[in-house]
Amino acid sequence: MRRILISGLTAVLLSAMTAYAASDVSFVEPADPNPGDQTAWASLTGPRVGWGSIDVRYSRSQVATMEKKVSLTAWRGERVSAQAVVSTPVNLSCVKVSASELKCGRDIIPSENVKTWFVRYTIAGRPGEKETFLVPDRLDAACQMAVAANGTRPVWVEVK
């Protein structure tokens, strides 16, 4: 069994959060019909990047709770997943994700075995109810993506 500890965000994550042209992806995400309390955004002075839980659906309109590192354990040949999260109080016109090789002692997992996807949001609802809500659902292999001010964008990471 291999144990991988990804600390900091240098092993896998945002290579740049600079102002380039936004991705030309034709998918348009809907507005959040229930953005909730927006006061937490005032406490952020700049973009935050960290590791989230794969068991949490992060709201696009709320500041995400995140950790500085994630630990993944897998048998040889098994796939494991993690979720990184970007929360920003300012517009980021071009967020890029890149993966480097992962090292743990003498063990190395090549960067080709690390895949990343931006998580996109869609509208959902419960049968028989009129209320709709925004949910993180679609994985997008775009090489870059804009993140709007007061917005959160998860990034799904798979290691094999």
N, C-alpha and C. Protein backbone atom coordinates (compact mmCIF):
# COMPACT_ATOMS: atom_id res chain seq x y z
N MET A 1 0.85 -1.17 0.00
CA MET A 1 0.00 0.00 0.00
C MET A 1 0.89 1.23 0.00
N ARG A 2 0.54 2.22 -0.77
CA ARG A 2 1.27 3.48 -0.81
C ARG A 2 0.51 4.55 -0.06
N ARG A 3 1.24 5.38 0.63
CA ARG A 3 0.63 6.51 1.30
C ARG A 3 1.26 7.76 0.71
N ILE A 4 0.43 8.67 0.28
CA ILE A 4 0.90 9.90 -0.36
C ILE A 4 0.46 11.07 0.50
N LEU A 5 1.37 11.94 0.82
CA LEU A 5 1.03 13.15 1.56
C LEU A 5 1.32 14.32 0.65
N ILE A 6 0.30 15.06 0.35
CA ILE A 6 0.47 16.25 -0.48
C ILE A 6 0.39 17.45 0.45
N SER A 7 1.52 18.08 0.68
CA SER A 7 1.50 19.22 1.58
C SER A 7 1.79 20.49 0.79
N GLY A 8 1.44 21.61 1.39
CA GLY A 8 1.49 22.85 0.64
C GLY A 8 0.60 22.64 -0.57
N LEU A 9 0.69 23.44 -1.53
CA LEU A 9 -0.07 23.18 -2.75
C LEU A 9 0.86 23.22 -3.94
N THR A 10 2.14 22.90 -3.67
CA THR A 10 3.09 22.93 -4.76
C THR A 10 3.05 21.67 -5.59
N ALA A 11 2.66 20.53 -5.01
CA ALA A 11 2.64 19.28 -5.75
C ALA A 11 1.56 19.28 -6.81
N VAL A 12 0.37 19.70 -6.45
CA VAL A 12 -0.74 19.73 -7.39
C VAL A 12 -1.52 20.99 -7.09
N LEU A 13 -1.64 21.87 -8.00
CA LEU A 13 -2.59 22.96 -7.91
C LEU A 13 -2.17 24.17 -8.67
N LEU A 14 -2.82 25.20 -8.42
CA LEU A 14 -2.83 26.39 -9.25
C LEU A 14 -1.46 26.88 -9.65
N SER A 15 -1.17 26.79 -10.92
CA SER A 15 0.11 27.27 -11.42
C SER A 15 0.09 28.78 -11.58
N ALA A 16 -1.08 29.35 -11.76
CA ALA A 16 -1.16 30.79 -11.94
C ALA A 16 -2.56 31.28 -11.64
N MET A 17 -2.64 32.40 -10.98
CA MET A 17 -3.92 33.07 -10.81
C MET A 17 -3.69 34.51 -11.26
N THR A 18 -3.39 34.64 -12.53
CA THR A 18 -3.06 35.94 -13.08
C THR A 18 -4.08 36.33 -14.14
N ALA A 19 -4.00 37.55 -14.59
CA ALA A 19 -4.99 38.08 -15.52
C ALA A 19 -4.63 37.77 -16.96
N TYR A 20 -5.13 36.68 -17.49
CA TYR A 20 -5.06 36.35 -18.91
C TYR A 20 -6.49 36.34 -19.43
N ALA A 21 -6.63 36.08 -20.71
CA ALA A 21 -7.98 35.99 -21.27
C ALA A 21 -8.70 34.78 -20.66
N ALA A 22 -9.97 34.92 -20.38
CA ALA A 22 -10.75 33.84 -19.79
C ALA A 22 -10.91 32.69 -20.78
N SER A 23 -11.17 31.51 -20.26
CA SER A 23 -11.37 30.33 -21.08
C SER A 23 -12.54 30.54 -22.04
N ASP A 24 -12.42 29.99 -23.24
CA ASP A 24 -13.49 30.17 -24.22
C ASP A 24 -14.45 28.99 -24.21
N VAL A 25 -14.75 28.46 -23.05
CA VAL A 25 -15.68 27.35 -22.92
C VAL A 25 -17.10 27.89 -23.10
N SER A 26 -17.91 27.19 -23.90
CA SER A 26 -19.25 27.68 -24.22
C SER A 26 -20.28 27.42 -23.12
N PHE A 27 -19.97 26.55 -22.16
CA PHE A 27 -20.90 26.25 -21.08
C PHE A 27 -21.05 27.49 -20.18
N VAL A 28 -22.29 27.94 -19.97
CA VAL A 28 -22.55 29.10 -19.13
C VAL A 28 -23.24 28.62 -17.86
N GLU A 29 -22.61 28.89 -16.72
CA GLU A 29 -23.20 28.47 -15.46
C GLU A 29 -24.32 29.42 -15.06
N PRO A 30 -25.39 28.87 -14.50
CA PRO A 30 -26.50 29.72 -14.07
C PRO A 30 -26.14 30.51 -12.81
N ALA A 31 -26.89 31.58 -12.57
CA ALA A 31 -26.73 32.34 -11.34
C ALA A 31 -27.22 31.49 -10.16
N ASP A 32 -26.68 31.75 -8.99
CA ASP A 32 -27.08 31.01 -7.80
C ASP A 32 -28.43 31.55 -7.32
N PRO A 33 -29.49 30.74 -7.33
CA PRO A 33 -30.80 31.23 -6.91
C PRO A 33 -30.90 31.46 -5.40
N ASN A 34 -29.98 30.89 -4.61
CA ASN A 34 -29.97 31.03 -3.15
C ASN A 34 -28.55 31.27 -2.66
N PRO A 35 -28.00 32.47 -2.87
CA PRO A 35 -26.59 32.69 -2.53
C PRO A 35 -26.29 32.68 -1.02
N GLY A 36 -27.29 32.87 -0.18
CA GLY A 36 -27.07 32.84 1.27
C GLY A 36 -26.34 34.08 1.77
N ASP A 37 -25.87 34.01 3.01
CA ASP A 37 -25.19 35.12 3.69
C ASP A 37 -23.83 35.37 3.04
N GLN A 38 -23.60 36.59 2.62
CA GLN A 38 -22.36 36.95 1.92
C GLN A 38 -21.35 37.67 2.81
N THR A 39 -21.60 37.79 4.10
CA THR A 39 -20.72 38.58 4.98
C THR A 39 -19.33 37.97 5.17
N ALA A 40 -19.16 36.67 5.03
CA ALA A 40 -17.85 36.03 5.23
C ALA A 40 -16.82 36.48 4.20
N TRP A 41 -17.27 36.93 3.04
CA TRP A 41 -16.33 37.37 2.01
C TRP A 41 -15.53 38.59 2.45
N ALA A 42 -16.08 39.41 3.32
CA ALA A 42 -15.38 40.62 3.77
C ALA A 42 -14.11 40.28 4.54
N SER A 43 -14.02 39.09 5.12
CA SER A 43 -12.84 38.72 5.90
C SER A 43 -11.66 38.26 5.03
N LEU A 44 -11.91 37.97 3.76
CA LEU A 44 -10.82 37.55 2.87
C LEU A 44 -10.14 38.76 2.25
N THR A 45 -8.80 38.77 2.29
CA THR A 45 -8.06 39.86 1.68
C THR A 45 -7.55 39.52 0.29
N GLY A 46 -7.62 38.25 -0.07
CA GLY A 46 -7.19 37.80 -1.37
C GLY A 46 -7.63 36.37 -1.60
N PRO A 47 -7.30 35.81 -2.76
CA PRO A 47 -7.69 34.43 -3.05
C PRO A 47 -7.10 33.45 -2.05
N ARG A 48 -7.86 32.42 -1.70
CA ARG A 48 -7.41 31.32 -0.84
C ARG A 48 -7.50 30.03 -1.61
N VAL A 49 -6.48 29.19 -1.45
CA VAL A 49 -6.45 27.89 -2.10
C VAL A 49 -6.12 26.86 -1.04
N GLY A 50 -6.84 25.75 -1.04
CA GLY A 50 -6.57 24.71 -0.07
C GLY A 50 -7.22 23.40 -0.49
N TRP A 51 -7.15 22.44 0.41
CA TRP A 51 -7.73 21.12 0.15
C TRP A 51 -9.04 20.99 0.89
N GLY A 52 -10.04 20.51 0.20
CA GLY A 52 -11.34 20.27 0.79
C GLY A 52 -11.59 18.78 0.91
N SER A 53 -12.77 18.44 1.30
CA SER A 53 -13.18 17.04 1.43
C SER A 53 -13.89 16.60 0.15
N ILE A 54 -13.68 15.35 -0.26
CA ILE A 54 -14.40 14.83 -1.43
C ILE A 54 -15.86 14.55 -1.08
N ASP A 55 -16.19 14.60 0.20
CA ASP A 55 -17.56 14.34 0.66
C ASP A 55 -18.39 15.61 0.83
N VAL A 56 -17.84 16.76 0.46
CA VAL A 56 -18.54 18.03 0.64
C VAL A 56 -18.83 18.65 -0.73
N ARG A 57 -20.05 19.14 -0.87
CA ARG A 57 -20.42 19.92 -2.06
C ARG A 57 -20.23 21.38 -1.70
N TYR A 58 -19.25 22.02 -2.29
CA TYR A 58 -18.93 23.40 -1.95
C TYR A 58 -19.85 24.36 -2.70
N SER A 59 -20.47 25.26 -1.96
CA SER A 59 -21.33 26.28 -2.54
C SER A 59 -20.47 27.27 -3.32
N ARG A 60 -20.90 27.64 -4.50
CA ARG A 60 -20.17 28.63 -5.29
C ARG A 60 -20.22 30.01 -4.63
N SER A 61 -21.24 30.26 -3.83
CA SER A 61 -21.46 31.59 -3.26
C SER A 61 -20.94 31.76 -1.84
N GLN A 62 -20.33 30.71 -1.27
CA GLN A 62 -19.85 30.77 0.11
C GLN A 62 -18.34 30.52 0.18
N VAL A 63 -17.68 31.11 1.17
CA VAL A 63 -16.26 30.86 1.40
C VAL A 63 -16.10 29.40 1.83
N ALA A 64 -15.21 28.67 1.19
CA ALA A 64 -15.02 27.25 1.49
C ALA A 64 -14.10 27.06 2.70
N THR A 65 -14.39 26.02 3.47
CA THR A 65 -13.50 25.59 4.54
C THR A 65 -12.47 24.68 3.91
N MET A 66 -11.19 24.91 4.19
CA MET A 66 -10.14 24.14 3.55
C MET A 66 -8.98 23.86 4.47
N GLU A 67 -8.18 22.89 4.10
CA GLU A 67 -6.99 22.48 4.84
C GLU A 67 -5.75 22.78 4.00
N LYS A 68 -4.57 22.80 4.66
CA LYS A 68 -3.33 23.07 3.94
C LYS A 68 -2.74 21.83 3.29
N LYS A 69 -3.13 20.64 3.74
CA LYS A 69 -2.59 19.42 3.15
C LYS A 69 -3.66 18.34 3.12
N VAL A 70 -3.40 17.33 2.29
CA VAL A 70 -4.30 16.18 2.18
C VAL A 70 -3.44 14.93 2.15
N SER A 71 -3.91 13.87 2.74
CA SER A 71 -3.20 12.60 2.75
C SER A 71 -4.07 11.56 2.05
N LEU A 72 -3.50 10.88 1.06
CA LEU A 72 -4.22 9.87 0.29
C LEU A 72 -3.50 8.54 0.43
N THR A 73 -4.24 7.48 0.60
CA THR A 73 -3.67 6.14 0.73
C THR A 73 -4.32 5.23 -0.31
N ALA A 74 -3.47 4.48 -1.04
CA ALA A 74 -4.01 3.59 -2.08
C ALA A 74 -3.08 2.41 -2.30
N TRP A 75 -3.66 1.30 -2.78
CA TRP A 75 -2.88 0.16 -3.22
C TRP A 75 -2.37 0.45 -4.63
N ARG A 76 -1.31 -0.22 -5.03
CA ARG A 76 -0.76 -0.05 -6.38
C ARG A 76 -1.88 -0.34 -7.39
N GLY A 77 -2.06 0.54 -8.37
CA GLY A 77 -3.09 0.37 -9.39
C GLY A 77 -4.45 0.95 -9.01
N GLU A 78 -4.63 1.32 -7.76
CA GLU A 78 -5.91 1.88 -7.31
C GLU A 78 -5.93 3.39 -7.57
N ARG A 79 -7.11 3.93 -7.80
CA ARG A 79 -7.28 5.38 -8.00
C ARG A 79 -7.81 5.99 -6.71
N VAL A 80 -7.29 7.15 -6.36
CA VAL A 80 -7.80 7.91 -5.22
C VAL A 80 -8.07 9.33 -5.68
N SER A 81 -8.98 9.98 -4.99
CA SER A 81 -9.38 11.34 -5.37
C SER A 81 -9.22 12.30 -4.21
N ALA A 82 -9.06 13.55 -4.57
CA ALA A 82 -9.01 14.64 -3.60
C ALA A 82 -9.74 15.82 -4.25
N GLN A 83 -10.05 16.81 -3.45
CA GLN A 83 -10.71 18.00 -3.98
C GLN A 83 -10.01 19.23 -3.44
N ALA A 84 -9.48 20.02 -4.35
CA ALA A 84 -8.89 21.30 -3.99
C ALA A 84 -9.97 22.36 -4.16
N VAL A 85 -9.82 23.49 -3.47
CA VAL A 85 -10.84 24.53 -3.52
C VAL A 85 -10.18 25.90 -3.61
N VAL A 86 -10.73 26.75 -4.47
CA VAL A 86 -10.32 28.14 -4.59
C VAL A 86 -11.49 29.01 -4.14
N SER A 87 -11.26 29.91 -3.19
CA SER A 87 -12.28 30.91 -2.80
C SER A 87 -11.63 32.27 -2.97
N THR A 88 -12.33 33.18 -3.63
CA THR A 88 -11.73 34.47 -3.90
C THR A 88 -12.72 35.62 -3.74
N PRO A 89 -12.27 36.73 -3.10
CA PRO A 89 -13.13 37.91 -3.00
C PRO A 89 -13.01 38.82 -4.23
N VAL A 90 -12.06 38.53 -5.12
CA VAL A 90 -11.83 39.33 -6.32
C VAL A 90 -11.96 38.46 -7.56
N ASN A 91 -12.21 39.07 -8.71
CA ASN A 91 -12.28 38.33 -9.96
C ASN A 91 -10.92 37.74 -10.31
N LEU A 92 -10.90 36.48 -10.68
CA LEU A 92 -9.71 35.83 -11.21
C LEU A 92 -10.06 35.43 -12.64
N SER A 93 -9.46 36.09 -13.60
CA SER A 93 -9.85 35.85 -14.98
C SER A 93 -9.26 34.58 -15.56
N CYS A 94 -8.22 34.03 -14.92
CA CYS A 94 -7.59 32.83 -15.49
C CYS A 94 -6.94 32.00 -14.39
N VAL A 95 -7.63 30.99 -13.95
CA VAL A 95 -7.06 30.05 -12.98
C VAL A 95 -6.64 28.82 -13.77
N LYS A 96 -5.38 28.42 -13.62
CA LYS A 96 -4.85 27.25 -14.30
C LYS A 96 -4.46 26.22 -13.25
N VAL A 97 -4.63 24.96 -13.59
CA VAL A 97 -4.25 23.86 -12.71
C VAL A 97 -3.21 23.01 -13.42
N SER A 98 -2.14 22.69 -12.71
CA SER A 98 -1.14 21.79 -13.28
C SER A 98 -0.70 20.81 -12.21
N ALA A 99 -0.22 19.67 -12.66
CA ALA A 99 0.22 18.63 -11.73
C ALA A 99 1.70 18.33 -11.96
N SER A 100 2.41 18.16 -10.88
CA SER A 100 3.81 17.73 -10.96
C SER A 100 3.88 16.31 -10.40
N GLU A 101 5.05 15.69 -10.49
CA GLU A 101 5.17 14.35 -9.91
C GLU A 101 5.02 14.44 -8.40
N LEU A 102 4.49 13.38 -7.82
CA LEU A 102 4.28 13.32 -6.38
C LEU A 102 5.36 12.44 -5.77
N LYS A 103 6.01 12.93 -4.72
CA LYS A 103 7.10 12.19 -4.10
C LYS A 103 6.79 11.93 -2.64
N CYS A 104 7.14 10.72 -2.19
CA CYS A 104 7.04 10.35 -0.78
C CYS A 104 8.22 9.43 -0.51
N GLY A 105 9.28 9.96 0.06
CA GLY A 105 10.50 9.18 0.24
C GLY A 105 11.06 8.81 -1.11
N ARG A 106 11.27 7.50 -1.35
CA ARG A 106 11.79 7.03 -2.64
C ARG A 106 10.68 6.81 -3.66
N ASP A 107 9.44 6.79 -3.21
CA ASP A 107 8.31 6.55 -4.11
C ASP A 107 7.97 7.80 -4.91
N ILE A 108 7.73 7.61 -6.18
CA ILE A 108 7.37 8.71 -7.07
C ILE A 108 6.18 8.29 -7.92
N ILE A 109 5.19 9.16 -8.01
CA ILE A 109 4.07 8.97 -8.92
C ILE A 109 4.24 10.04 -10.01
N PRO A 110 4.39 9.61 -11.27
CA PRO A 110 4.60 10.58 -12.35
C PRO A 110 3.41 11.51 -12.52
N SER A 111 3.67 12.69 -13.02
CA SER A 111 2.61 13.69 -13.21
C SER A 111 1.54 13.20 -14.19
N GLU A 112 1.87 12.27 -15.10
CA GLU A 112 0.87 11.74 -16.03
C GLU A 112 -0.21 10.96 -15.30
N ASN A 113 0.06 10.52 -14.08
CA ASN A 113 -0.92 9.76 -13.29
C ASN A 113 -1.76 10.65 -12.39
N VAL A 114 -1.64 11.97 -12.55
CA VAL A 114 -2.43 12.92 -11.77
C VAL A 114 -3.30 13.70 -12.75
N LYS A 115 -4.61 13.55 -12.64
CA LYS A 115 -5.56 14.24 -13.52
C LYS A 115 -6.35 15.26 -12.71
N THR A 116 -6.68 16.37 -13.34
CA THR A 116 -7.45 17.41 -12.66
C THR A 116 -8.61 17.88 -13.53
N TRP A 117 -9.70 18.26 -12.88
CA TRP A 117 -10.87 18.81 -13.55
C TRP A 117 -11.43 19.94 -12.70
N PHE A 118 -11.87 21.01 -13.34
CA PHE A 118 -12.64 22.03 -12.64
C PHE A 118 -14.04 21.48 -12.42
N VAL A 119 -14.64 21.81 -11.31
CA VAL A 119 -16.01 21.38 -11.02
C VAL A 119 -16.94 22.52 -11.42
N ARG A 120 -17.91 22.22 -12.28
CA ARG A 120 -18.89 23.22 -12.72
C ARG A 120 -20.19 23.03 -11.95
N TYR A 121 -20.99 24.08 -11.92
CA TYR A 121 -22.25 24.09 -11.18
C TYR A 121 -23.44 24.03 -12.12
N THR A 122 -24.49 23.33 -11.68
CA THR A 122 -25.73 23.23 -12.44
C THR A 122 -26.91 23.47 -11.49
N ILE A 123 -28.07 23.73 -12.05
CA ILE A 123 -29.29 23.92 -11.25
C ILE A 123 -29.92 22.56 -10.97
N ALA A 124 -30.37 22.37 -9.75
CA ALA A 124 -31.06 21.13 -9.37
C ALA A 124 -32.29 21.48 -8.54
N GLY A 125 -33.15 20.52 -8.36
CA GLY A 125 -34.35 20.70 -7.54
C GLY A 125 -34.86 19.35 -7.08
N ARG A 126 -35.75 19.38 -6.12
CA ARG A 126 -36.35 18.13 -5.62
C ARG A 126 -37.72 17.95 -6.28
N PRO A 127 -38.03 16.70 -6.63
CA PRO A 127 -39.34 16.44 -7.25
C PRO A 127 -40.49 16.92 -6.37
N GLY A 128 -41.44 17.60 -6.96
CA GLY A 128 -42.60 18.09 -6.23
C GLY A 128 -42.38 19.42 -5.52
N GLU A 129 -41.17 19.95 -5.54
CA GLU A 129 -40.89 21.25 -4.91
C GLU A 129 -40.53 22.26 -5.98
N LYS A 130 -40.87 23.52 -5.71
CA LYS A 130 -40.58 24.58 -6.66
C LYS A 130 -39.18 25.15 -6.50
N GLU A 131 -38.59 25.00 -5.30
CA GLU A 131 -37.28 25.58 -5.02
C GLU A 131 -36.18 24.88 -5.82
N THR A 132 -35.29 25.68 -6.41
CA THR A 132 -34.13 25.15 -7.11
C THR A 132 -32.88 25.63 -6.38
N PHE A 133 -31.78 24.94 -6.61
CA PHE A 133 -30.53 25.32 -5.98
C PHE A 133 -29.37 24.94 -6.89
N LEU A 134 -28.24 25.57 -6.65
CA LEU A 134 -27.05 25.36 -7.44
C LEU A 134 -26.23 24.24 -6.81
N VAL A 135 -25.79 23.27 -7.60
CA VAL A 135 -24.98 22.17 -7.07
C VAL A 135 -23.73 21.96 -7.92
N PRO A 136 -22.61 21.63 -7.28
CA PRO A 136 -21.41 21.28 -8.04
C PRO A 136 -21.62 19.89 -8.63
N ASP A 137 -21.47 19.76 -9.94
CA ASP A 137 -21.86 18.49 -10.56
C ASP A 137 -20.96 18.07 -11.70
N ARG A 138 -20.68 18.92 -12.61
CA ARG A 138 -20.02 18.56 -13.86
C ARG A 138 -18.51 18.75 -13.76
N LEU A 139 -17.74 17.75 -14.18
CA LEU A 139 -16.29 17.87 -14.22
C LEU A 139 -15.88 18.36 -15.60
N ASP A 140 -15.07 19.41 -15.63
CA ASP A 140 -14.68 20.06 -16.88
C ASP A 140 -13.16 20.01 -17.00
N ALA A 141 -12.66 19.44 -18.09
CA ALA A 141 -11.22 19.30 -18.31
C ALA A 141 -10.59 20.55 -18.91
N ALA A 142 -11.26 21.69 -18.85
CA ALA A 142 -10.71 22.93 -19.40
C ALA A 142 -9.33 23.21 -18.79
N CYS A 143 -8.43 23.78 -19.56
CA CYS A 143 -7.08 24.04 -19.04
C CYS A 143 -7.04 25.30 -18.19
N GLN A 144 -8.06 26.13 -18.26
CA GLN A 144 -8.13 27.33 -17.42
C GLN A 144 -9.59 27.72 -17.24
N MET A 145 -9.83 28.49 -16.18
CA MET A 145 -11.20 28.90 -15.90
C MET A 145 -11.19 30.19 -15.09
N ALA A 146 -12.17 31.03 -15.32
CA ALA A 146 -12.33 32.24 -14.52
C ALA A 146 -13.11 31.90 -13.25
N VAL A 147 -12.79 32.59 -12.18
CA VAL A 147 -13.54 32.47 -10.93
C VAL A 147 -14.01 33.87 -10.58
N ALA A 148 -15.31 34.06 -10.47
CA ALA A 148 -15.88 35.38 -10.21
C ALA A 148 -15.60 35.82 -8.78
N ALA A 149 -15.63 37.12 -8.56
CA ALA A 149 -15.46 37.68 -7.21
C ALA A 149 -16.52 37.09 -6.29
N ASN A 150 -16.14 36.90 -5.03
CA ASN A 150 -17.02 36.28 -4.03
C ASN A 150 -17.50 34.92 -4.52
N GLY A 151 -16.56 34.16 -5.08
CA GLY A 151 -16.90 32.86 -5.63
C GLY A 151 -15.93 31.77 -5.19
N THR A 152 -16.42 30.55 -5.25
CA THR A 152 -15.64 29.37 -4.91
C THR A 152 -15.66 28.42 -6.10
N ARG A 153 -14.51 27.81 -6.39
CA ARG A 153 -14.41 26.85 -7.48
C ARG A 153 -13.64 25.62 -6.98
N PRO A 154 -14.32 24.47 -6.90
CA PRO A 154 -13.61 23.23 -6.57
C PRO A 154 -12.84 22.70 -7.78
N VAL A 155 -11.78 21.95 -7.50
CA VAL A 155 -10.99 21.27 -8.52
C VAL A 155 -10.87 19.81 -8.08
N TRP A 156 -11.35 18.90 -8.92
CA TRP A 156 -11.30 17.47 -8.60
C TRP A 156 -9.95 16.93 -9.04
N VAL A 157 -9.28 16.18 -8.18
CA VAL A 157 -7.95 15.63 -8.46
C VAL A 157 -8.02 14.11 -8.33
N GLU A 158 -7.52 13.41 -9.34
CA GLU A 158 -7.47 11.95 -9.29
C GLU A 158 -6.01 11.51 -9.44
N VAL A 159 -5.59 10.61 -8.56
CA VAL A 159 -4.24 10.07 -8.60
C VAL A 159 -4.36 8.57 -8.82
N LYS A 160 -3.61 8.04 -9.81
CA LYS A 160 -3.64 6.58 -10.03
C LYS A 160 -2.22 6.04 -10.11
